[in-house]
Protein backbone atom coordinates (compact mmCIF):
# COMPACT_ATOMS: atom_id res chain seq x y z
CA MET A 1 -2.62 -28.04 2.95
CA ASP A 2 0.79 -28.95 2.85
CA ILE A 3 2.08 -25.20 4.29
CA ALA A 4 6.45 -26.10 3.89
CA ASP A 5 5.98 -27.20 0.24
CA LEU A 6 3.81 -24.32 -0.47
CA ALA A 7 6.96 -22.40 0.77
CA ARG A 8 9.39 -23.91 -0.75
CA ARG A 9 7.60 -23.08 -3.98
CA VAL A 10 7.05 -19.59 -3.48
CA ALA A 11 10.57 -19.40 -2.98
CA ASP A 12 11.29 -21.17 -6.02
CA GLY A 13 9.25 -18.43 -7.87
CA GLU A 14 6.22 -20.64 -8.91
CA ARG A 15 3.91 -17.78 -9.97
CA ARG A 16 0.49 -19.97 -9.36
CA ALA A 17 2.15 -20.60 -5.78
CA LEU A 18 2.53 -17.31 -5.29
CA ALA A 19 -0.95 -16.41 -6.35
CA ARG A 20 -2.13 -19.31 -4.02
CA ALA A 21 -0.41 -18.04 -1.43
CA ILE A 22 -1.62 -14.25 -1.40
CA THR A 23 -5.10 -15.65 -1.62
CA LEU A 24 -4.49 -17.85 1.84
CA VAL A 25 -3.06 -14.44 3.55
CA GLU A 26 -6.16 -12.81 2.67
CA SER A 27 -8.61 -15.03 3.96
CA ALA A 28 -10.49 -14.03 6.76
CA ARG A 29 -11.25 -17.51 8.33
CA ALA A 30 -9.32 -18.49 11.22
CA ASP A 31 -7.97 -21.71 9.97
CA HIS A 32 -6.19 -19.94 7.05
CA ARG A 33 -5.20 -17.15 9.40
CA ASP A 34 -3.24 -19.95 11.35
CA GLN A 35 -2.22 -21.62 7.74
CA ALA A 36 -0.80 -18.12 6.88
CA ALA A 37 0.69 -17.46 9.92
CA ALA A 38 2.87 -20.96 9.54
CA LEU A 39 3.49 -20.10 5.93
CA LEU A 40 5.11 -16.30 6.46
CA ASP A 41 7.07 -18.09 9.17
CA ALA A 42 8.35 -20.94 6.71
CA LEU A 43 9.93 -18.31 3.97
CA PRO A 44 12.94 -17.52 3.47
CA LYS A 45 14.00 -14.65 5.24
CA GLY A 46 16.75 -12.21 4.34
CA ARG A 47 15.12 -11.44 0.82
CA GLU A 48 14.45 -7.70 0.24
CA ALA A 49 12.67 -5.75 -2.60
CA LEU A 50 12.72 -1.98 -3.28
CA ARG A 51 8.80 -1.74 -1.84
CA VAL A 52 7.67 1.70 -3.98
CA GLY A 53 3.64 2.85 -2.64
CA LEU A 54 2.01 4.61 -6.17
CA SER A 55 -1.25 6.53 -5.09
CA GLY A 56 -3.08 9.45 -7.37
CA THR A 57 -6.47 10.58 -7.56
CA PRO A 58 -8.27 8.49 -10.02
CA GLY A 59 -7.97 9.59 -13.63
CA VAL A 60 -4.62 10.59 -13.42
CA GLY A 61 -3.29 7.29 -15.02
CA LYS A 62 -1.97 5.06 -11.96
CA SER A 63 -2.45 1.87 -14.35
CA THR A 64 -0.78 3.47 -17.82
CA PHE A 65 2.08 4.59 -15.34
CA VAL A 66 2.84 1.55 -13.20
CA GLU A 67 2.40 -0.24 -16.82
CA SER A 68 5.01 1.36 -18.58
CA PHE A 69 7.32 1.83 -15.63
CA GLY A 70 6.84 -1.86 -14.94
CA MET A 71 7.69 -2.57 -18.46
CA MET A 72 11.31 -0.27 -18.41
CA LEU A 73 12.12 -1.94 -15.18
CA VAL A 74 11.96 -5.50 -16.78
CA GLU A 75 13.50 -4.37 -19.92
CA GLN A 76 16.33 -3.77 -17.43
CA GLY A 77 16.68 -7.15 -15.98
CA LEU A 78 14.80 -6.93 -13.01
CA LYS A 79 11.65 -8.87 -12.03
CA VAL A 80 8.55 -6.36 -11.29
CA ALA A 81 5.27 -7.40 -8.96
CA VAL A 82 2.20 -5.25 -8.86
CA LEU A 83 0.24 -5.20 -5.74
CA ALA A 84 -2.86 -3.04 -7.50
CA VAL A 85 -5.92 -2.20 -4.62
CA ASP A 86 -9.13 -1.92 -6.31
CA PRO A 87 -12.05 0.18 -4.52
CA SER A 88 -14.61 -1.70 -3.05
CA SER A 89 -18.63 -1.94 -2.90
CA THR A 90 -19.42 -0.22 0.44
CA ARG A 91 -22.91 -2.81 0.01
CA SER A 92 -21.33 -6.15 -1.57
CA GLY A 93 -18.10 -5.85 -0.47
CA GLY A 94 -16.95 -6.46 -4.09
CA SER A 95 -14.50 -5.16 -6.84
CA ILE A 96 -14.62 -5.09 -10.55
CA LEU A 97 -10.32 -5.55 -10.13
CA GLY A 98 -9.96 -4.01 -13.49
CA ASP A 99 -6.14 -3.20 -12.88
CA LYS A 100 -5.21 -6.00 -14.79
CA THR A 101 -7.26 -5.69 -17.54
CA ARG A 102 -5.22 -2.27 -18.65
CA MET A 103 -1.67 -3.70 -17.73
CA ASP A 104 -2.19 -6.55 -20.70
CA ARG A 105 1.39 -5.74 -21.65
CA LEU A 106 3.10 -6.68 -18.36
CA ALA A 107 0.70 -8.87 -17.26
CA ARG A 108 1.58 -11.14 -20.45
CA THR A 109 5.21 -10.67 -19.52
CA PRO A 110 7.14 -13.49 -17.37
CA GLN A 111 9.19 -11.53 -15.49
CA ALA A 112 6.30 -9.73 -13.92
CA PHE A 113 3.18 -10.46 -11.45
CA ILE A 114 0.35 -9.01 -11.16
CA ARG A 115 -2.22 -9.14 -8.20
CA PRO A 116 -5.12 -7.01 -8.07
CA SER A 117 -7.14 -6.92 -4.54
CA PRO A 118 -10.45 -5.28 -3.61
CA SER A 119 -9.79 -2.97 -0.41
CA GLN A 120 -12.66 -4.71 1.29
CA THR A 121 -13.31 -1.23 2.71
CA HIS A 122 -10.43 -0.93 4.56
CA LEU A 123 -9.36 2.62 5.31
CA GLY A 124 -6.04 3.87 4.26
CA GLY A 125 -5.75 3.11 0.47
CA VAL A 126 -4.57 -0.76 0.86
CA ALA A 127 -5.89 -3.93 1.25
CA ARG A 128 -5.93 -5.09 4.77
CA ARG A 129 -3.04 -7.92 3.88
CA SER A 130 -1.51 -5.63 1.86
CA ARG A 131 2.18 -5.83 3.71
CA GLU A 132 1.71 -9.66 3.93
CA ALA A 133 1.48 -10.06 0.28
CA VAL A 134 4.69 -7.82 -0.12
CA ALA A 135 6.44 -10.00 2.10
CA LEU A 136 5.32 -13.07 -0.25
CA CYS A 137 6.66 -11.33 -3.50
CA GLU A 138 9.96 -10.37 -1.66
CA ALA A 139 10.11 -14.40 -0.89
CA ALA A 140 9.29 -15.15 -4.39
CA GLY A 141 12.31 -13.13 -5.34
CA PHE A 142 10.90 -9.65 -7.27
CA ASP A 143 13.55 -6.92 -7.25
CA VAL A 144 10.77 -4.08 -7.28
CA VAL A 145 7.17 -4.54 -5.27
CA LEU A 146 4.92 -1.99 -6.30
CA ILE A 147 1.68 -0.94 -4.35
CA GLU A 148 -0.54 0.98 -6.61
CA THR A 149 -3.28 2.39 -3.84
CA VAL A 150 -7.23 2.90 -4.17
CA GLY A 151 -6.47 6.61 -4.96
CA VAL A 152 -8.90 8.10 -3.02
CA GLY A 153 -7.37 11.37 -1.67
CA GLN A 154 -5.04 12.39 0.90
CA SER A 155 -5.71 10.23 3.95
CA GLU A 156 -3.72 7.11 1.90
CA THR A 157 -0.91 7.45 4.35
CA VAL A 158 -1.02 3.69 5.49
CA VAL A 159 1.06 2.88 2.60
CA SER A 160 3.71 4.71 4.02
CA HIS A 161 4.12 1.67 6.76
CA MET A 162 4.67 -0.43 4.18
CA SER A 163 6.97 0.94 1.22
CA ASP A 164 10.51 2.33 1.24
CA LEU A 165 9.10 4.82 -1.28
CA PHE A 166 6.27 6.83 -2.43
CA LEU A 167 5.24 8.25 -5.17
CA LEU A 168 2.39 10.56 -5.73
CA LEU A 169 1.07 10.84 -9.70
CA LEU A 170 -0.66 14.12 -10.41
CA ALA A 171 -2.59 15.60 -13.65
CA PRO A 172 -1.36 18.63 -15.11
CA ALA A 173 -3.22 21.36 -14.17
CA GLY A 174 -4.52 19.51 -10.67
CA GLY A 175 -4.03 22.38 -8.40
CA ASP A 176 -1.91 25.64 -8.01
CA GLU A 177 0.92 25.93 -4.83
CA LEU A 178 -1.23 25.90 -2.58
CA GLN A 179 -2.55 22.58 -2.97
CA GLY A 180 0.75 21.73 -2.14
CA VAL A 181 1.07 22.73 0.66
CA LYS A 182 -2.10 20.40 1.87
CA ARG A 183 -0.86 18.11 5.12
CA GLY A 184 -2.09 14.82 4.52
CA ILE A 185 -0.76 12.39 1.79
CA MET A 186 1.51 15.11 0.25
CA GLU A 187 3.70 14.70 3.46
CA ILE A 188 4.65 11.57 2.63
CA ALA A 189 5.57 11.70 -0.96
CA ASP A 190 9.35 11.17 -1.93
CA ILE A 191 8.21 12.23 -5.28
CA ILE A 192 5.60 13.93 -6.95
CA VAL A 193 5.40 12.33 -10.65
CA ILE A 194 3.05 15.40 -12.72
CA ASN A 195 1.58 12.73 -15.50
CA LYS A 196 0.66 13.23 -18.77
CA ALA A 197 3.38 15.88 -19.48
CA ASP A 198 2.53 15.04 -23.20
CA GLY A 199 0.61 16.86 -26.19
CA ASP A 200 -1.77 20.03 -25.81
CA LEU A 201 -0.89 19.36 -21.81
CA ARG A 202 2.37 19.42 -21.66
CA SER A 203 2.82 23.53 -20.67
CA ALA A 204 0.30 23.05 -17.89
CA ALA A 205 2.08 19.77 -16.84
CA THR A 206 5.10 22.28 -16.69
CA ARG A 207 3.49 24.56 -14.86
CA THR A 208 1.91 22.34 -12.60
CA CYS A 209 5.69 20.83 -11.37
CA ALA A 210 6.84 24.26 -11.14
CA ASP A 211 3.84 24.80 -8.67
CA TYR A 212 4.47 21.79 -6.61
CA ALA A 213 8.11 22.19 -6.95
CA GLY A 214 7.69 25.55 -5.22
CA ALA A 215 4.93 24.21 -2.42
CA LEU A 216 7.91 21.45 -1.61
CA ARG A 217 10.30 24.35 -0.42
CA LEU A 218 7.91 25.35 1.81
CA LEU A 219 7.60 21.93 3.92
CA ARG A 220 10.22 21.54 6.27
CA LYS A 221 12.46 19.23 5.12
CA ARG A 222 12.42 16.12 6.43
CA PRO A 223 15.58 14.25 8.14
CA GLN A 224 14.93 10.67 6.23
CA ASP A 225 15.63 12.92 2.76
CA PRO A 226 19.07 14.61 1.33
CA GLU A 227 19.56 17.28 -0.33
CA GLY A 228 16.50 18.10 -3.29
CA PHE A 229 14.15 15.57 -1.76
CA PRO A 230 11.21 15.87 -2.25
CA LYS A 231 10.72 16.71 -5.70
CA ALA A 232 8.20 17.17 -8.50
CA MET A 233 9.42 15.50 -11.81
CA MET A 234 7.12 15.31 -14.80
CA VAL A 235 6.53 11.96 -17.03
CA SER A 236 4.77 10.87 -19.79
CA ALA A 237 3.41 7.14 -18.86
CA MET A 238 1.74 7.15 -22.87
CA GLU A 239 5.06 8.01 -24.52
CA GLY A 240 7.24 6.51 -22.18
CA THR A 241 9.12 9.49 -21.27
CA GLY A 242 10.81 10.63 -18.08
CA LEU A 243 10.40 7.37 -16.56
CA ASP A 244 14.15 6.71 -16.60
CA GLU A 245 14.83 9.85 -15.02
CA VAL A 246 12.06 8.74 -12.20
CA TRP A 247 13.86 5.60 -11.59
CA GLN A 248 17.13 7.43 -11.23
CA GLU A 249 16.28 9.31 -8.80
CA MET A 250 14.35 6.52 -7.15
CA THR A 251 17.54 4.57 -6.81
CA ALA A 252 19.58 7.29 -5.51
CA LEU A 253 17.17 8.21 -2.80
CA ALA A 254 17.09 4.64 -1.83
CA ASP A 255 21.21 4.13 -1.97
CA TRP A 256 21.32 7.21 -0.09
CA ARG A 257 18.87 6.01 2.74
CA LYS A 258 20.59 2.39 3.09
CA ALA A 259 24.15 3.89 3.33
CA GLY A 260 23.31 5.39 6.59
CA GLU A 261 20.59 3.96 9.48
CA ILE A 262 17.60 5.63 8.35
CA TRP A 263 16.76 1.89 5.92
CA ALA A 264 16.48 -0.19 8.62
CA ARG A 265 15.45 1.72 11.30
CA VAL A 266 12.05 2.87 8.61
CA ARG A 267 12.16 -0.89 8.14
CA ALA A 268 11.93 -1.55 12.01
CA ASP A 269 9.51 1.13 12.77
CA GLN A 270 7.58 -0.53 10.01
CA ALA A 271 7.37 -4.20 11.52
CA LEU A 272 6.18 -2.63 14.82
CA TYR A 273 3.39 -0.50 13.64
CA TRP A 274 1.99 -3.73 11.92
CA LEU A 275 2.45 -5.60 15.15
CA ARG A 276 0.23 -3.34 16.73
CA GLU A 277 -2.22 -3.06 13.91
CA GLU A 278 -2.37 -6.88 14.69
CA ILE A 279 -3.23 -6.76 18.02
CA ARG A 280 -5.32 -4.12 17.50
CA ASN A 281 -7.48 -6.18 14.80
CA ALA A 282 -6.90 -9.21 16.99
CA LEU A 283 -8.99 -7.00 19.64
CA LEU A 284 -11.22 -5.75 17.23
CA SER A 285 -12.67 -9.29 16.07
CA LYS A 286 -13.22 -9.93 19.86
CA LEU A 287 -16.37 -7.97 19.42
CA GLU A 288 -17.81 -10.24 16.67
CA THR A 289 -18.04 -12.98 18.59
CA PRO A 290 -22.07 -13.97 19.36
CA ALA A 291 -21.42 -13.69 23.23
CA ALA A 292 -20.07 -10.42 22.73
CA LYS A 293 -22.61 -9.11 20.49
CA ARG A 294 -25.47 -10.43 22.59
CA LYS A 295 -23.43 -8.28 25.46
CA LEU A 296 -23.53 -5.36 23.78
CA SER A 297 -26.85 -5.75 21.84
CA ARG A 298 -28.24 -5.78 26.30
CA LEU A 299 -26.00 -2.91 26.94
CA GLY A 300 -27.41 -0.75 23.54
CA GLU A 301 -31.07 -1.46 24.81
CA ALA A 302 -30.17 -0.10 28.36
CA VAL A 303 -28.36 2.82 26.95
CA ALA A 304 -31.12 3.69 24.08
CA SER A 305 -33.67 3.49 27.17
CA GLY A 306 -31.61 5.89 29.54
CA GLU A 307 -31.02 3.18 32.27
CA THR A 308 -27.34 3.02 31.79
CA ALA A 309 -24.70 6.05 30.56
CA PRO A 310 -22.78 5.35 27.45
CA ALA A 311 -19.41 5.69 29.80
CA ALA A 312 -20.86 3.30 32.30
CA ALA A 313 -22.26 0.69 29.92
CA ALA A 314 -18.83 0.35 28.14
CA ALA A 315 -16.72 -0.07 31.19
CA ALA A 316 -19.15 -2.83 32.10
CA PHE A 317 -18.48 -4.22 28.58
CA LEU A 318 -14.79 -4.13 28.75
CA ALA A 319 -14.43 -5.33 32.40
CA GLU A 320 -16.30 -8.59 31.03
CA LEU A 321 -14.34 -8.70 28.25
CA ASP A 322 -11.04 -8.62 30.42
CA GLY A 323 -12.71 -11.49 32.57
CA GLN A 324 -13.23 -13.50 29.75
CA THR A 325 -9.77 -13.23 28.42
CA GLU A 326 -7.41 -13.35 31.20
């Protein structure tokens, strides 16, 4: 593979090259990991997109929201990339990857790019290489990158380490004010969006929005937020109402953070977080070598028989591992 040529084509905005590059960075093969690292180093620096994390419980209408929101941005002349992460089977590792089929209008738009990826049981609601896929989309010249998470609950905080803004989608009547003060995913949300505010659900959406607005006032104000944030808003992705108001609030928040030192500091902290993650994953991968597995098997037998205490066996294994890496 000609990495320099692939990097040039990605920088020129070729969709097929971008798709191939994301496939490369998602590969777990050792030779592909080396090529992926070379590709990321060869990409042009300095291109920035607005990275938006998006999460919500299954059935809240994430795909419908992303399509309607993405179409609105395209109509404003922006280029939009969507990285949609689907849950994977814990048995086969496979995924339906149905998000792209639910965004058929956006998928046919030349100014948009949709890439579904399986989570492959990676915790945190995103795929393991989602951050590298975001970097590729930025290098390809996209203005906005939407990262749609799996949507499994309050543990999806990893997306906050790769996004500039985080939107949490909720359904009408999805919980009272006490639900809103739960820790975890609620604490990282910049805007809580109550979807399906139409038809018979409009009044329920109004009540839910008021509940969460009250709950947000009980949470301690974050230093990276201007007055009024985080906030709760209502939209109807089906009817397309409220989307422009959400975008205005998003851009206002992003501009406020860029005007100070928060934007650059957060991005620097995110880069350090992913450095530590890469080191941690590299160390964990050493446990998968044949020699390590044999050693673990022998120590496991000794622990199971009561010959060795778990702590002593772990210390012996780590000492041997340190000796091999010196």
